[in-house]
Amino acid sequence: MMRSIKAQLALLGIRQNAMARDLGIEVTRLNKIINGWVLATSDEKTKITAYVRGGGRPRTSTAPGAMLHE
């Protein structure tokens, strides 16, 4: 998974700086992880995997638009 993350980000049209901001990871650290210069911690791997599998959006506990009907 981590090896092909750069290609997945390109296919999804996700910018690394936006992903870093959404995940709360420093941009330089995320760049080093994506390029293979630094190994990600298990927490970072979990966050990155969920983010990419979700299509570039962090997972939330409520559905989009749930607040509109209150």
C-alpha atoms as a PDB file:
ATOM      1  CA  MET A   1       0.000   0.000   0.000  1.00  0.00           C
ATOM      2  CA  MET A   2       2.621   2.547   1.014  1.00  0.00           C
ATOM      3  CA  ARG A   3       4.714   1.809  -2.053  1.00  0.00           C
ATOM      4  CA  SER A   4       2.007   2.852  -4.517  1.00  0.00           C
ATOM      5  CA  ILE A   5       0.634   5.758  -2.531  1.00  0.00           C
ATOM      6  CA  LYS A   6       2.238   8.346  -4.815  1.00  0.00           C
ATOM      7  CA  ALA A   7       0.456   6.869  -7.836  1.00  0.00           C
ATOM      8  CA  GLN A   8      -2.840   6.651  -5.951  1.00  0.00           C
ATOM      9  CA  LEU A   9      -2.624  10.310  -4.952  1.00  0.00           C
ATOM     10  CA  ALA A  10      -2.002  11.267  -8.576  1.00  0.00           C
ATOM     11  CA  LEU A  11      -4.951   9.183  -9.802  1.00  0.00           C
ATOM     12  CA  LEU A  12      -7.271  10.676  -7.196  1.00  0.00           C
ATOM     13  CA  GLY A  13      -5.998  14.202  -7.835  1.00  0.00           C
ATOM     14  CA  ILE A  14      -5.045  14.708  -4.205  1.00  0.00           C
ATOM     15  CA  ARG A  15      -2.309  17.195  -3.384  1.00  0.00           C
ATOM     16  CA  GLN A  16       0.165  16.234  -0.699  1.00  0.00           C
ATOM     17  CA  ASN A  17      -0.226  19.521   1.168  1.00  0.00           C
ATOM     18  CA  ALA A  18      -4.005  19.104   1.388  1.00  0.00           C
ATOM     19  CA  MET A  19      -3.612  15.519   2.563  1.00  0.00           C
ATOM     20  CA  ALA A  20      -1.082  16.556   5.202  1.00  0.00           C
ATOM     21  CA  ARG A  21      -3.416  19.288   6.447  1.00  0.00           C
ATOM     22  CA  ASP A  22      -6.393  16.924   6.625  1.00  0.00           C
ATOM     23  CA  LEU A  23      -4.410  14.233   8.460  1.00  0.00           C
ATOM     24  CA  GLY A  24      -2.537  16.558  10.811  1.00  0.00           C
ATOM     25  CA  ILE A  25       0.883  15.439   9.549  1.00  0.00           C
ATOM     26  CA  GLU A  26       3.645  17.900   8.651  1.00  0.00           C
ATOM     27  CA  VAL A  27       3.970  18.358   4.888  1.00  0.00           C
ATOM     28  CA  THR A  28       7.694  17.586   4.895  1.00  0.00           C
ATOM     29  CA  ARG A  29       7.190  14.391   6.914  1.00  0.00           C
ATOM     30  CA  LEU A  30       4.378  13.203   4.630  1.00  0.00           C
ATOM     31  CA  ASN A  31       6.539  13.922   1.576  1.00  0.00           C
ATOM     32  CA  LYS A  32       9.379  11.867   3.046  1.00  0.00           C
ATOM     33  CA  ILE A  33       6.981   9.004   3.812  1.00  0.00           C
ATOM     34  CA  ILE A  34       5.529   9.039   0.297  1.00  0.00           C
ATOM     35  CA  ASN A  35       8.980   9.115  -1.320  1.00  0.00           C
ATOM     36  CA  GLY A  36      10.247   6.314   0.916  1.00  0.00           C
ATOM     37  CA  TRP A  37      12.890   8.279   2.808  1.00  0.00           C
ATOM     38  CA  VAL A  38      11.189   7.763   6.190  1.00  0.00           C
ATOM     39  CA  LEU A  39       9.117   4.869   7.495  1.00  0.00           C
ATOM     40  CA  ALA A  40       5.635   5.778   8.654  1.00  0.00           C
ATOM     41  CA  THR A  41       4.504   4.915  12.156  1.00  0.00           C
ATOM     42  CA  SER A  42       1.609   2.485  12.501  1.00  0.00           C
ATOM     43  CA  ASP A  43      -0.703   5.407  13.335  1.00  0.00           C
ATOM     44  CA  GLU A  44       0.401   7.310  10.223  1.00  0.00           C
ATOM     45  CA  LYS A  45      -0.049   4.211   8.058  1.00  0.00           C
ATOM     46  CA  THR A  46      -3.578   3.774   9.377  1.00  0.00           C
ATOM     47  CA  LYS A  47      -4.474   7.433   8.730  1.00  0.00           C
ATOM     48  CA  ILE A  48      -2.972   7.449   5.230  1.00  0.00           C
ATOM     49  CA  THR A  49      -4.626   4.169   4.248  1.00  0.00           C
ATOM     50  CA  ALA A  50      -8.057   5.316   5.417  1.00  0.00           C
ATOM     51  CA  TYR A  51      -7.630   8.664   3.672  1.00  0.00           C
ATOM     52  CA  VAL A  52      -6.662   7.162   0.314  1.00  0.00           C
ATOM     53  CA  ARG A  53      -9.338   4.450   0.468  1.00  0.00           C
ATOM     54  CA  GLY A  54     -11.905   7.136   1.276  1.00  0.00           C
ATOM     55  CA  GLY A  55     -11.074   8.972  -1.933  1.00  0.00           C
ATOM     56  CA  GLY A  56      -9.238  11.822  -0.290  1.00  0.00           C
ATOM     57  CA  ARG A  57     -11.626  12.734   2.457  1.00  0.00           C
ATOM     58  CA  PRO A  58     -11.052  12.033   6.121  1.00  0.00           C
ATOM     59  CA  ARG A  59     -13.665   9.696   7.553  1.00  0.00           C
ATOM     60  CA  THR A  60     -16.207  11.290   9.863  1.00  0.00           C
ATOM     61  CA  SER A  61     -18.781   9.827  12.194  1.00  0.00           C
ATOM     62  CA  THR A  62     -21.682  11.697  10.582  1.00  0.00           C
ATOM     63  CA  ALA A  63     -22.921  11.536   7.035  1.00  0.00           C
ATOM     64  CA  PRO A  64     -22.470  14.609   4.814  1.00  0.00           C
ATOM     65  CA  GLY A  65     -25.481  16.870   5.079  1.00  0.00           C
ATOM     66  CA  ALA A  66     -26.677  15.346   8.339  1.00  0.00           C
ATOM     67  CA  MET A  67     -26.709  18.752  10.025  1.00  0.00           C
ATOM     68  CA  LEU A  68     -28.951  20.264   7.325  1.00  0.00           C
ATOM     69  CA  HIS A  69     -32.166  18.672   8.566  1.00  0.00           C
ATOM     70  CA  GLU A  70     -32.036  19.787  12.192  1.00  0.00           C
END
